[in-house]
Protein backbone atom coordinates (compact mmCIF):
# COMPACT_ATOMS: atom_id res chain seq x y z
CA MET A 1 0.00 0.00 -0.01
CA ALA A 2 1.37 3.40 -0.97
CA TRP A 3 0.39 6.96 -0.18
CA THR A 4 -1.62 8.69 -2.89
CA THR A 5 -1.02 12.39 -3.42
CA PRO A 6 -4.25 14.15 -2.41
CA TYR A 7 -6.47 15.32 -5.22
CA THR A 8 -7.74 18.91 -5.34
CA TRP A 9 -11.40 18.99 -6.41
CA THR A 10 -12.79 21.89 -8.35
CA ALA A 11 -15.96 21.28 -10.35
CA ALA A 12 -15.32 17.58 -10.86
CA LYS A 13 -17.85 15.00 -9.71
CA LEU A 14 -17.12 12.75 -6.76
CA PHE A 15 -16.68 9.17 -7.88
CA ALA A 16 -16.59 6.25 -5.50
CA ALA A 17 -13.25 4.95 -6.83
CA LYS A 18 -11.60 8.33 -6.38
CA MET A 19 -13.05 8.77 -2.89
CA ASN A 20 -11.87 5.30 -1.88
CA GLU A 21 -8.39 6.11 -3.16
CA GLN A 22 -8.21 9.52 -1.51
CA VAL A 23 -9.87 8.77 1.82
CA ARG A 24 -10.07 5.05 2.57
CA ASP A 25 -6.72 4.00 1.13
CA ASN A 26 -4.80 6.96 2.53
CA LEU A 27 -6.39 6.47 5.93
CA ASN A 28 -5.35 2.80 5.92
CA PHE A 29 -1.84 3.87 4.92
CA LEU A 30 -1.65 6.24 7.91
CA LYS A 31 -2.83 3.49 10.24
CA ALA A 32 0.02 1.25 9.10
CA ASN A 33 2.82 3.76 8.56
CA ILE A 34 4.49 6.82 10.00
CA ALA A 35 5.82 8.69 6.99
CA LEU A 36 7.43 12.09 6.66
CA GLU A 37 8.23 14.10 3.59
CA ALA A 38 11.86 14.19 2.47
CA ALA A 39 14.11 16.23 4.75
CA VAL A 40 14.80 19.84 3.87
CA GLU A 41 18.12 21.46 4.82
CA LEU A 42 18.19 24.38 7.24
CA THR A 43 21.29 26.46 8.00
CA ILE A 44 21.77 27.94 11.45
CA ASP A 45 21.51 31.75 11.43
CA THR A 46 22.75 33.41 14.62
CA GLY A 47 21.86 30.34 16.65
CA ALA A 48 18.39 29.82 15.17
CA ILE A 49 16.44 27.91 12.52
CA THR A 50 12.78 28.05 11.45
CA LYS A 51 10.85 24.79 11.12
CA THR A 52 8.99 24.31 7.85
CA LYS A 53 8.60 20.54 7.91
CA ALA A 54 8.80 17.69 10.41
CA TYR A 55 12.19 16.44 9.19
CA HIS A 56 15.21 18.67 8.60
CA PHE A 57 18.91 18.37 7.93
CA VAL A 58 20.75 21.12 9.88
CA ASP A 59 24.04 22.70 8.87
CA THR A 60 26.35 25.07 10.68
CA GLU A 61 26.48 28.76 9.85
CA SER A 62 29.14 29.48 7.21
CA ASP A 63 30.15 25.78 7.32
CA ALA A 64 31.80 26.26 10.71
CA VAL A 65 33.33 23.14 12.31
CA THR A 66 30.83 23.47 15.17
CA ASP A 67 27.82 25.71 15.75
CA ASP A 68 25.29 26.14 18.56
CA LEU A 69 21.56 25.79 17.89
CA ASP A 70 19.63 27.76 20.54
CA THR A 71 16.21 28.42 19.02
CA ILE A 72 13.80 26.59 16.72
CA SER A 73 11.02 28.86 15.50
CA GLY A 74 7.73 27.85 13.91
CA GLY A 75 6.57 25.37 16.53
CA SER A 76 3.00 24.84 17.75
CA ASP A 77 1.78 22.82 20.72
CA GLY A 78 2.29 19.11 20.01
CA ASP A 79 4.50 19.56 16.96
CA ILE A 80 7.24 16.96 16.54
CA ILE A 81 10.46 17.62 14.65
CA PHE A 82 13.33 15.33 13.62
CA LEU A 83 16.77 16.91 13.16
CA GLU A 84 19.85 15.36 11.60
CA ALA A 85 23.31 16.77 10.90
CA GLU A 86 23.75 17.80 7.27
CA HIS A 87 27.49 17.08 7.14
CA THR A 88 29.62 14.47 8.88
CA ASP A 89 32.53 16.91 9.39
CA ARG A 90 30.44 19.66 11.03
CA THR A 91 28.91 19.38 14.49
CA VAL A 92 25.56 20.92 15.41
CA ILE A 93 25.17 21.44 19.19
CA LEU A 94 21.61 21.77 20.51
CA LYS A 95 22.07 23.97 23.60
CA ASP A 96 20.06 23.07 26.66
CA GLY A 97 18.35 25.93 28.50
CA THR A 98 19.23 28.46 25.83
CA GLY A 99 16.61 30.04 23.58
CA ASN A 100 13.57 27.69 23.47
CA LEU A 101 15.30 24.32 23.96
CA LEU A 102 14.83 22.43 27.25
CA LEU A 103 16.78 19.20 26.76
CA GLY A 104 18.24 18.06 30.08
CA GLY A 105 21.72 18.56 28.64
CA ASP A 106 23.33 19.61 25.37
CA ILE A 107 22.82 17.27 22.39
CA TYR A 108 25.60 16.87 19.83
CA LEU A 109 24.88 15.92 16.21
CA THR A 110 28.43 14.97 15.30
CA ALA A 111 27.75 13.05 12.08
CA THR A 112 25.10 12.22 9.55
CA GLY A 113 22.87 9.38 10.66
CA LEU A 114 22.44 10.81 14.19
CA VAL A 115 18.85 12.01 14.62
CA VAL A 116 17.17 13.81 17.52
CA ALA A 117 13.37 14.01 17.93
CA LEU A 118 11.80 16.94 19.79
CA ILE A 119 8.22 17.85 20.74
CA TYR A 120 6.96 21.40 21.27
CA ASN A 121 5.25 22.21 24.57
CA GLY A 122 3.02 25.25 24.03
CA THR A 123 2.61 25.89 27.74
CA LEU A 124 6.33 26.01 28.38
CA THR A 125 7.01 27.45 24.90
CA LYS A 126 9.92 25.01 24.76
CA TRP A 127 11.10 22.10 22.60
CA LEU A 128 11.51 18.96 24.73
CA PRO A 129 13.41 15.76 23.81
CA VAL A 130 11.52 12.65 22.68
CA ALA A 131 14.57 10.65 21.59
CA THR A 132 18.23 11.55 21.40
CA PRO A 133 21.20 9.72 19.85
CA ASN A 134 23.65 10.67 22.58
CA ILE A 135 24.11 12.29 25.93
CA VAL A 136 26.81 14.63 27.23
CA ARG A 137 28.57 13.72 30.45
CA GLU A 138 31.35 15.44 32.40
CA LEU A 139 33.52 12.67 33.86
CA PRO A 140 36.26 13.08 36.52
CA VAL A 141 39.69 11.47 36.17
CA ASN A 142 42.55 11.48 38.70
CA ALA A 143 44.60 8.30 38.15
CA PHE A 144 47.96 10.02 37.52
CA GLN A 145 51.08 8.39 36.13
CA TYR A 146 54.37 9.60 37.64
CA PRO A 147 57.74 9.18 35.88
CA ALA A 148 59.79 9.93 39.02
CA PRO A 149 57.62 10.05 42.15
CA GLY A 150 59.34 11.60 45.14
CA THR A 151 61.65 13.72 43.01
CA ASP A 152 59.29 15.27 40.43
CA TRP A 153 55.49 15.09 40.54
CA THR A 154 54.52 13.12 43.66
CA PRO A 155 51.29 11.40 44.78
CA GLU A 156 49.38 13.32 47.45
CA LEU A 157 46.03 12.87 49.19
CA LYS A 158 44.70 15.81 47.19
CA GLY A 159 46.15 14.73 43.83
CA ALA A 160 49.51 15.17 42.12
CA GLY A 161 51.94 17.59 43.77
CA LEU A 162 54.96 19.45 42.43
CA ALA A 163 57.27 20.88 45.09
CA ALA A 164 59.43 24.01 44.85
CA SER A 165 62.31 24.55 42.45
CA LYS A 166 61.37 21.99 39.79
CA THR A 167 61.89 22.72 36.09
CA THR A 168 59.67 21.41 33.23
CA LYS A 169 58.51 18.31 35.06
CA LYS A 170 55.90 16.04 33.44
CA CYS A 171 53.25 13.66 34.63
CA TRP A 172 50.32 12.09 32.79
CA LEU A 173 46.62 11.62 33.35
CA PRO A 174 45.27 8.78 31.13
CA LEU A 175 41.62 9.02 30.06
CA ASN A 176 41.00 5.36 30.81
CA PHE A 177 37.21 5.69 31.08
CA LEU A 178 36.69 6.28 27.36
CA LYS A 179 34.66 3.99 25.12
CA ILE A 180 34.96 3.49 21.37
CA THR A 181 32.72 6.07 19.60
CA ASP A 182 32.88 8.51 22.54
CA GLY A 183 33.46 12.08 21.45
CA ILE A 184 35.80 14.22 23.54
CA VAL A 185 34.53 17.83 23.63
CA SER A 186 36.60 19.61 26.27
CA TYR A 187 38.25 19.24 29.66
CA LYS A 188 39.13 21.30 32.72
CA LEU A 189 42.32 20.87 34.75
CA VAL A 190 41.54 21.55 38.42
CA GLY A 191 43.86 22.31 41.33
CA ASP A 192 45.71 24.97 43.31
CA ALA A 193 48.94 26.89 42.91
CA THR A 194 51.03 28.57 45.60
CA GLU A 195 53.32 31.13 44.02
CA ALA A 196 56.20 32.79 45.86
CA ALA A 197 58.56 33.24 42.90
CA ALA A 198 57.45 32.21 39.40
CA LEU A 199 55.49 29.09 38.44
CA THR A 200 53.90 27.80 35.23
CA LEU A 201 51.52 24.93 34.56
CA ASP A 202 50.56 23.64 31.12
CA CYS A 203 48.47 20.70 29.94
CA LYS A 204 47.59 19.24 26.56
CA LEU A 205 45.54 16.34 25.25
CA VAL A 206 47.68 13.75 23.49
CA LYS A 207 46.54 10.86 21.30
CA VAL A 208 48.69 7.73 21.32
CA ASN A 209 48.52 5.85 18.01
CA LYS A 210 49.15 2.20 17.31
CA ALA A 211 52.19 2.04 15.01
CA ASP A 212 55.68 0.56 14.91
CA PRO A 213 57.01 2.39 16.81
CA LEU A 214 54.08 3.99 18.65
CA THR A 215 53.43 7.61 17.74
CA THR A 216 51.70 10.51 19.48
CA THR A 217 49.58 13.38 18.14
CA ASP A 218 48.64 16.60 19.94
CA VAL A 219 44.86 17.02 19.58
CA ALA A 220 43.91 20.37 18.07
CA GLY A 221 42.61 22.81 20.67
CA GLY A 222 43.66 20.48 23.48
CA GLY A 223 45.95 22.87 25.34
CA ILE A 224 44.77 24.83 28.39
CA THR A 225 45.51 28.50 29.05
CA GLN A 226 48.75 28.45 31.02
CA VAL A 227 48.40 28.74 34.79
CA ASP A 228 50.98 31.23 36.09
CA ALA A 229 49.45 32.85 39.18
CA ASP A 230 48.73 32.08 42.81
CA GLY A 231 45.35 30.57 43.70
CA ASN A 232 43.06 27.75 42.69
CA PHE A 233 42.59 27.08 39.00
CA ASP A 234 39.97 25.51 36.76
CA SER A 235 41.62 25.89 33.36
CA GLU A 236 39.62 24.69 30.36
CA ALA A 237 40.55 23.51 26.87
CA VAL A 238 37.79 23.27 24.25
CA LEU A 239 38.83 21.11 21.30
CA THR A 240 38.74 22.59 17.82
CA ALA A 241 36.44 19.72 16.78
CA VAL A 242 34.91 16.82 18.68
CA GLU A 243 37.53 14.07 18.89
CA THR A 244 35.91 10.69 18.20
CA VAL A 245 37.53 7.75 19.98
CA SER A 246 38.34 4.85 17.67
CA THR A 247 40.17 1.55 17.88
CA ASP A 248 43.96 1.55 18.26
CA LYS A 249 43.93 5.00 19.89
CA GLN A 250 44.52 5.95 23.52
CA TYR A 251 44.25 9.41 25.08
CA THR A 252 46.12 11.04 27.93
CA LEU A 253 46.58 14.51 29.41
CA GLU A 254 50.24 15.53 29.53
CA ILE A 255 50.88 17.92 32.41
CA LEU A 256 54.01 20.11 32.48
CA GLY A 257 54.97 22.15 35.52
CA THR A 258 57.74 24.50 36.61
CA THR A 259 58.14 25.95 40.11
CA GLY A 260 60.48 28.50 41.67
CA ALA A 261 61.72 28.83 45.23
CA GLY A 262 58.79 28.54 47.62
CA ASP A 263 56.28 27.60 44.87
CA ALA A 264 54.04 24.54 44.86
CA ILE A 265 51.39 23.11 42.53
CA THR A 266 48.74 20.50 43.27
CA VAL A 267 46.54 19.12 40.48
CA MET A 268 43.41 17.42 41.82
CA GLY A 269 42.51 15.93 38.46
CA ALA A 270 40.51 16.75 35.37
CA GLU A 271 36.84 16.94 34.40
CA VAL A 272 36.37 15.71 30.84
CA LYS A 273 33.24 16.47 28.80
CA VAL A 274 32.30 13.53 26.58
CA VAL A 275 29.50 12.86 24.10
CA ARG A 276 28.41 9.25 24.54
CA LEU A 277 26.07 7.36 22.22
CA LEU A 278 23.03 5.80 23.82
């Protein structure tokens, strides 16, 4: 059974066969099928799109690598909309609590084939999630690796500590909670610095690649803003593009610290924002 395009009557007579085709057959089709018209592409404009159909491909403004979608106009109470990324290399981020989206967390459309379904609540004047392909979680990590504990970075109750008068000392923080297909979005390095002379703290996200010999790659956008002042810190790095975890890849944060006389640094750990498929 197939859908028949509705006929527009003018002065024509109503014949039983035509009525059966237009009413009975199409009604039976709707009972057996949920069918939408072909998707139409919408491009984000200053964080917004306007719904014209129930199914849309969405692209970033000016083909940006990522773009936030805050507002979907054109909704009425009970409307349902399906959204899919237009391009596999551009990420559309539906922003929770911004504009008229109330999602329980940001939703990332990182590739074609990922579809989110939303329903419009006229009382709240918000789009609410019906089904989502993924969920964003911020996961803590603090299982440090120390190359020379006791002389460089050293285990402490509060995390990893670097004592005074140490120069360009490294330790590592493996992201050993990751699953294949996870998408790394950003991370924050958290801790405290006591500065009496001059200290610096840097951190970058490194990908370890299976090869012979093994190789490493610095992930674009994975470096924090350098910490160089007294006080607690919560320094964030937002990746240039979502980094999708695949087989034969491992990820670690490489921490590099320098302290002067009387300085000290303690890194509690990191909070890593990850997109995880459901």
